[in-house]
Amino acid sequence: MSATTSDVDEADRLARVKLSCTIEPGDLRVTGLVSELGASKVLGHLEAAAEVEPH
């Protein structure tokens, strides 16, 4: 099943909203990652890292 352009745009938009609530606005490191990888992928990595239990 392939996603339509509107589905991808909506997913990216929602990921950017979640990131903006989590990350300091204007953080150039995150901005660079979002530009390079996409907002959905960056958010996915952050959520996965949050699920890892500290030792």
PDB file of N, CA and C in Angstrom:
ATOM      1  N   MET A   1       0.853  -1.173   0.000  1.00  0.00           N
ATOM      2  CA  MET A   1       0.000   0.000   0.000  1.00  0.00           C
ATOM      3  C   MET A   1       0.896   1.232   0.000  1.00  0.00           C
ATOM      4  N   SER A   2       0.682   2.141  -0.927  1.00  0.00           N
ATOM      5  CA  SER A   2       1.503   3.337  -0.982  1.00  0.00           C
ATOM      6  C   SER A   2       0.720   4.531  -0.448  1.00  0.00           C
ATOM      7  N   ALA A   3       1.448   5.433   0.176  1.00  0.00           N
ATOM      8  CA  ALA A   3       0.827   6.628   0.740  1.00  0.00           C
ATOM      9  C   ALA A   3       0.678   7.684  -0.342  1.00  0.00           C
ATOM     10  N   THR A   4      -0.399   8.426  -0.262  1.00  0.00           N
ATOM     11  CA  THR A   4      -0.588   9.525  -1.195  1.00  0.00           C
ATOM     12  C   THR A   4       0.179  10.742  -0.693  1.00  0.00           C
ATOM     13  N   THR A   5       0.345  11.724  -1.553  1.00  0.00           N
ATOM     14  CA  THR A   5       1.074  12.934  -1.173  1.00  0.00           C
ATOM     15  C   THR A   5       0.410  13.624   0.004  1.00  0.00           C
ATOM     16  N   SER A   6      -0.910  13.676   0.017  1.00  0.00           N
ATOM     17  CA  SER A   6      -1.599  14.347   1.126  1.00  0.00           C
ATOM     18  C   SER A   6      -1.389  13.597   2.442  1.00  0.00           C
ATOM     19  N   ASP A   7      -1.305  12.251   2.393  1.00  0.00           N
ATOM     20  CA  ASP A   7      -1.038  11.473   3.604  1.00  0.00           C
ATOM     21  C   ASP A   7       0.361  11.749   4.127  1.00  0.00           C
ATOM     22  N   VAL A   8       1.315  11.820   3.244  1.00  0.00           N
ATOM     23  CA  VAL A   8       2.699  12.089   3.641  1.00  0.00           C
ATOM     24  C   VAL A   8       2.806  13.494   4.203  1.00  0.00           C
ATOM     25  N   ASP A   9       2.203  14.449   3.565  1.00  0.00           N
ATOM     26  CA  ASP A   9       2.232  15.828   4.047  1.00  0.00           C
ATOM     27  C   ASP A   9       1.588  15.932   5.426  1.00  0.00           C
ATOM     28  N   GLU A  10       0.492  15.239   5.635  1.00  0.00           N
ATOM     29  CA  GLU A  10      -0.200  15.259   6.925  1.00  0.00           C
ATOM     30  C   GLU A  10       0.672  14.613   8.000  1.00  0.00           C
ATOM     31  N   ALA A  11       1.307  13.493   7.705  1.00  0.00           N
ATOM     32  CA  ALA A  11       2.180  12.824   8.668  1.00  0.00           C
ATOM     33  C   ALA A  11       3.360  13.712   9.023  1.00  0.00           C
ATOM     34  N   ASP A  12       3.943  14.359   8.029  1.00  0.00           N
ATOM     35  CA  ASP A  12       5.068  15.257   8.271  1.00  0.00           C
ATOM     36  C   ASP A  12       4.622  16.442   9.110  1.00  0.00           C
ATOM     37  N   ARG A  13       3.476  16.973   8.809  1.00  0.00           N
ATOM     38  CA  ARG A  13       2.957  18.124   9.564  1.00  0.00           C
ATOM     39  C   ARG A  13       2.748  17.757  11.021  1.00  0.00           C
ATOM     40  N   LEU A  14       2.148  16.605  11.279  1.00  0.00           N
ATOM     41  CA  LEU A  14       1.915  16.174  12.647  1.00  0.00           C
ATOM     42  C   LEU A  14       3.223  15.900  13.389  1.00  0.00           C
ATOM     43  N   ALA A  15       4.195  15.339  12.695  1.00  0.00           N
ATOM     44  CA  ALA A  15       5.505  15.099  13.309  1.00  0.00           C
ATOM     45  C   ALA A  15       6.165  16.424  13.670  1.00  0.00           C
ATOM     46  N   ARG A  16       6.045  17.406  12.803  1.00  0.00           N
ATOM     47  CA  ARG A  16       6.631  18.723  13.093  1.00  0.00           C
ATOM     48  C   ARG A  16       5.951  19.378  14.294  1.00  0.00           C
ATOM     49  N   VAL A  17       4.650  19.203  14.427  1.00  0.00           N
ATOM     50  CA  VAL A  17       3.936  19.751  15.581  1.00  0.00           C
ATOM     51  C   VAL A  17       4.436  19.089  16.867  1.00  0.00           C
ATOM     52  N   LYS A  18       4.570  17.758  16.863  1.00  0.00           N
ATOM     53  CA  LYS A  18       5.076  17.054  18.044  1.00  0.00           C
ATOM     54  C   LYS A  18       6.499  17.485  18.380  1.00  0.00           C
ATOM     55  N   LEU A  19       7.337  17.620  17.359  1.00  0.00           N
ATOM     56  CA  LEU A  19       8.714  18.061  17.593  1.00  0.00           C
ATOM     57  C   LEU A  19       8.747  19.468  18.173  1.00  0.00           C
ATOM     58  N   SER A  20       7.889  20.346  17.692  1.00  0.00           N
ATOM     59  CA  SER A  20       7.893  21.726  18.174  1.00  0.00           C
ATOM     60  C   SER A  20       7.463  21.810  19.638  1.00  0.00           C
ATOM     61  N   CYS A  21       6.708  20.827  20.105  1.00  0.00           N
ATOM     62  CA  CYS A  21       6.310  20.791  21.515  1.00  0.00           C
ATOM     63  C   CYS A  21       7.401  20.201  22.398  1.00  0.00           C
ATOM     64  N   THR A  22       8.337  19.500  21.800  1.00  0.00           N
ATOM     65  CA  THR A  22       9.364  18.779  22.541  1.00  0.00           C
ATOM     66  C   THR A  22      10.718  19.473  22.507  1.00  0.00           C
ATOM     67  N   ILE A  23      11.061  20.034  21.385  1.00  0.00           N
ATOM     68  CA  ILE A  23      12.392  20.588  21.135  1.00  0.00           C
ATOM     69  C   ILE A  23      12.345  22.110  21.250  1.00  0.00           C
ATOM     70  N   GLU A  24      13.413  22.665  21.784  1.00  0.00           N
ATOM     71  CA  GLU A  24      13.542  24.122  21.879  1.00  0.00           C
ATOM     72  C   GLU A  24      13.453  24.743  20.479  1.00  0.00           C
ATOM     73  N   PRO A  25      12.564  25.693  20.288  1.00  0.00           N
ATOM     74  CA  PRO A  25      12.467  26.345  18.977  1.00  0.00           C
ATOM     75  C   PRO A  25      13.810  26.955  18.572  1.00  0.00           C
ATOM     76  N   GLY A  26      14.175  26.775  17.335  1.00  0.00           N
ATOM     77  CA  GLY A  26      15.413  27.339  16.825  1.00  0.00           C
ATOM     78  C   GLY A  26      16.644  26.489  17.075  1.00  0.00           C
ATOM     79  N   ASP A  27      16.474  25.270  17.604  1.00  0.00           N
ATOM     80  CA  ASP A  27      17.616  24.379  17.830  1.00  0.00           C
ATOM     81  C   ASP A  27      18.133  23.928  16.466  1.00  0.00           C
ATOM     82  N   LEU A  28      19.293  24.418  16.098  1.00  0.00           N
ATOM     83  CA  LEU A  28      19.825  24.165  14.759  1.00  0.00           C
ATOM     84  C   LEU A  28      20.180  22.700  14.528  1.00  0.00           C
ATOM     85  N   ARG A  29      20.508  21.971  15.586  1.00  0.00           N
ATOM     86  CA  ARG A  29      20.818  20.552  15.422  1.00  0.00           C
ATOM     87  C   ARG A  29      19.582  19.791  14.949  1.00  0.00           C
ATOM     88  N   VAL A  30      18.467  20.054  15.592  1.00  0.00           N
ATOM     89  CA  VAL A  30      17.234  19.355  15.218  1.00  0.00           C
ATOM     90  C   VAL A  30      16.740  19.844  13.863  1.00  0.00           C
ATOM     91  N   THR A  31      16.851  21.128  13.619  1.00  0.00           N
ATOM     92  CA  THR A  31      16.447  21.669  12.318  1.00  0.00           C
ATOM     93  C   THR A  31      17.226  20.998  11.197  1.00  0.00           C
ATOM     94  N   GLY A  32      18.529  20.822  11.402  1.00  0.00           N
ATOM     95  CA  GLY A  32      19.356  20.152  10.397  1.00  0.00           C
ATOM     96  C   GLY A  32      18.944  18.713  10.180  1.00  0.00           C
ATOM     97  N   LEU A  33      18.657  18.011  11.285  1.00  0.00           N
ATOM     98  CA  LEU A  33      18.227  16.618  11.160  1.00  0.00           C
ATOM     99  C   LEU A  33      16.894  16.507  10.433  1.00  0.00           C
ATOM    100  N   VAL A  34      15.967  17.401  10.756  1.00  0.00           N
ATOM    101  CA  VAL A  34      14.659  17.376  10.088  1.00  0.00           C
ATOM    102  C   VAL A  34      14.829  17.658   8.597  1.00  0.00           C
ATOM    103  N   SER A  35      15.701  18.584   8.253  1.00  0.00           N
ATOM    104  CA  SER A  35      15.947  18.884   6.837  1.00  0.00           C
ATOM    105  C   SER A  35      16.562  17.689   6.120  1.00  0.00           C
ATOM    106  N   GLU A  36      17.458  16.986   6.825  1.00  0.00           N
ATOM    107  CA  GLU A  36      18.173  15.864   6.211  1.00  0.00           C
ATOM    108  C   GLU A  36      17.333  14.588   6.166  1.00  0.00           C
ATOM    109  N   LEU A  37      16.664  14.263   7.275  1.00  0.00           N
ATOM    110  CA  LEU A  37      15.979  12.979   7.399  1.00  0.00           C
ATOM    111  C   LEU A  37      14.464  13.060   7.256  1.00  0.00           C
ATOM    112  N   GLY A  38      13.892  14.207   7.558  1.00  0.00           N
ATOM    113  CA  GLY A  38      12.441  14.355   7.573  1.00  0.00           C
ATOM    114  C   GLY A  38      11.918  14.324   8.999  1.00  0.00           C
ATOM    115  N   ALA A  39      10.859  15.049   9.240  1.00  0.00           N
ATOM    116  CA  ALA A  39      10.321  15.190  10.588  1.00  0.00           C
ATOM    117  C   ALA A  39       9.824  13.860  11.157  1.00  0.00           C
ATOM    118  N   SER A  40       9.180  13.052  10.353  1.00  0.00           N
ATOM    119  CA  SER A  40       8.638  11.778  10.839  1.00  0.00           C
ATOM    120  C   SER A  40       9.746  10.850  11.316  1.00  0.00           C
ATOM    121  N   LYS A  41      10.837  10.812  10.582  1.00  0.00           N
ATOM    122  CA  LYS A  41      11.946   9.931  10.944  1.00  0.00           C
ATOM    123  C   LYS A  41      12.631  10.417  12.227  1.00  0.00           C
ATOM    124  N   VAL A  42      12.858  11.722  12.343  1.00  0.00           N
ATOM    125  CA  VAL A  42      13.479  12.276  13.549  1.00  0.00           C
ATOM    126  C   VAL A  42      12.599  12.008  14.757  1.00  0.00           C
ATOM    127  N   LEU A  43      11.314  12.242  14.624  1.00  0.00           N
ATOM    128  CA  LEU A  43      10.384  11.992  15.721  1.00  0.00           C
ATOM    129  C   LEU A  43      10.386  10.513  16.096  1.00  0.00           C
ATOM    130  N   GLY A  44      10.414   9.634  15.116  1.00  0.00           N
ATOM    131  CA  GLY A  44      10.451   8.200  15.377  1.00  0.00           C
ATOM    132  C   GLY A  44      11.685   7.795  16.163  1.00  0.00           C
ATOM    133  N   HIS A  45      12.835   8.366  15.807  1.00  0.00           N
ATOM    134  CA  HIS A  45      14.073   8.063  16.536  1.00  0.00           C
ATOM    135  C   HIS A  45      13.990   8.559  17.979  1.00  0.00           C
ATOM    136  N   LEU A  46      13.447   9.748  18.171  1.00  0.00           N
ATOM    137  CA  LEU A  46      13.324  10.287  19.528  1.00  0.00           C
ATOM    138  C   LEU A  46      12.358   9.464  20.376  1.00  0.00           C
ATOM    139  N   GLU A  47      11.253   9.053  19.777  1.00  0.00           N
ATOM    140  CA  GLU A  47      10.288   8.231  20.511  1.00  0.00           C
ATOM    141  C   GLU A  47      10.880   6.868  20.859  1.00  0.00           C
ATOM    142  N   ALA A  48      11.644   6.290  19.942  1.00  0.00           N
ATOM    143  CA  ALA A  48      12.282   5.003  20.206  1.00  0.00           C
ATOM    144  C   ALA A  48      13.312   5.135  21.324  1.00  0.00           C
ATOM    145  N   ALA A  49      14.064   6.224  21.317  1.00  0.00           N
ATOM    146  CA  ALA A  49      15.060   6.445  22.364  1.00  0.00           C
ATOM    147  C   ALA A  49      14.399   6.638  23.721  1.00  0.00           C
ATOM    148  N   ALA A  50      13.223   7.244  23.736  1.00  0.00           N
ATOM    149  CA  ALA A  50      12.509   7.466  24.992  1.00  0.00           C
ATOM    150  C   ALA A  50      11.981   6.172  25.581  1.00  0.00           C
ATOM    151  N   GLU A  51      11.760   5.162  24.734  1.00  0.00           N
ATOM    152  CA  GLU A  51      11.230   3.883  25.195  1.00  0.00           C
ATOM    153  C   GLU A  51      12.308   2.983  25.808  1.00  0.00           C
ATOM    154  N   VAL A  52      13.570   3.290  25.552  1.00  0.00           N
ATOM    155  CA  VAL A  52      14.672   2.474  26.069  1.00  0.00           C
ATOM    156  C   VAL A  52      14.817   2.753  27.557  1.00  0.00           C
ATOM    157  N   GLU A  53      14.856   1.691  28.336  1.00  0.00           N
ATOM    158  CA  GLU A  53      14.989   1.853  29.779  1.00  0.00           C
ATOM    159  C   GLU A  53      16.449   2.100  30.146  1.00  0.00           C
ATOM    160  N   PRO A  54      16.704   3.062  31.023  1.00  0.00           N
ATOM    161  CA  PRO A  54      18.090   3.274  31.463  1.00  0.00           C
ATOM    162  C   PRO A  54      18.563   2.099  32.319  1.00  0.00           C
ATOM    163  N   HIS A  55      19.851   1.836  32.264  1.00  0.00           N
ATOM    164  CA  HIS A  55      20.413   0.728  33.035  1.00  0.00           C
ATOM    165  C   HIS A  55      20.954   1.205  34.345  1.00  0.00           C
TER     166      HIS A  55
END
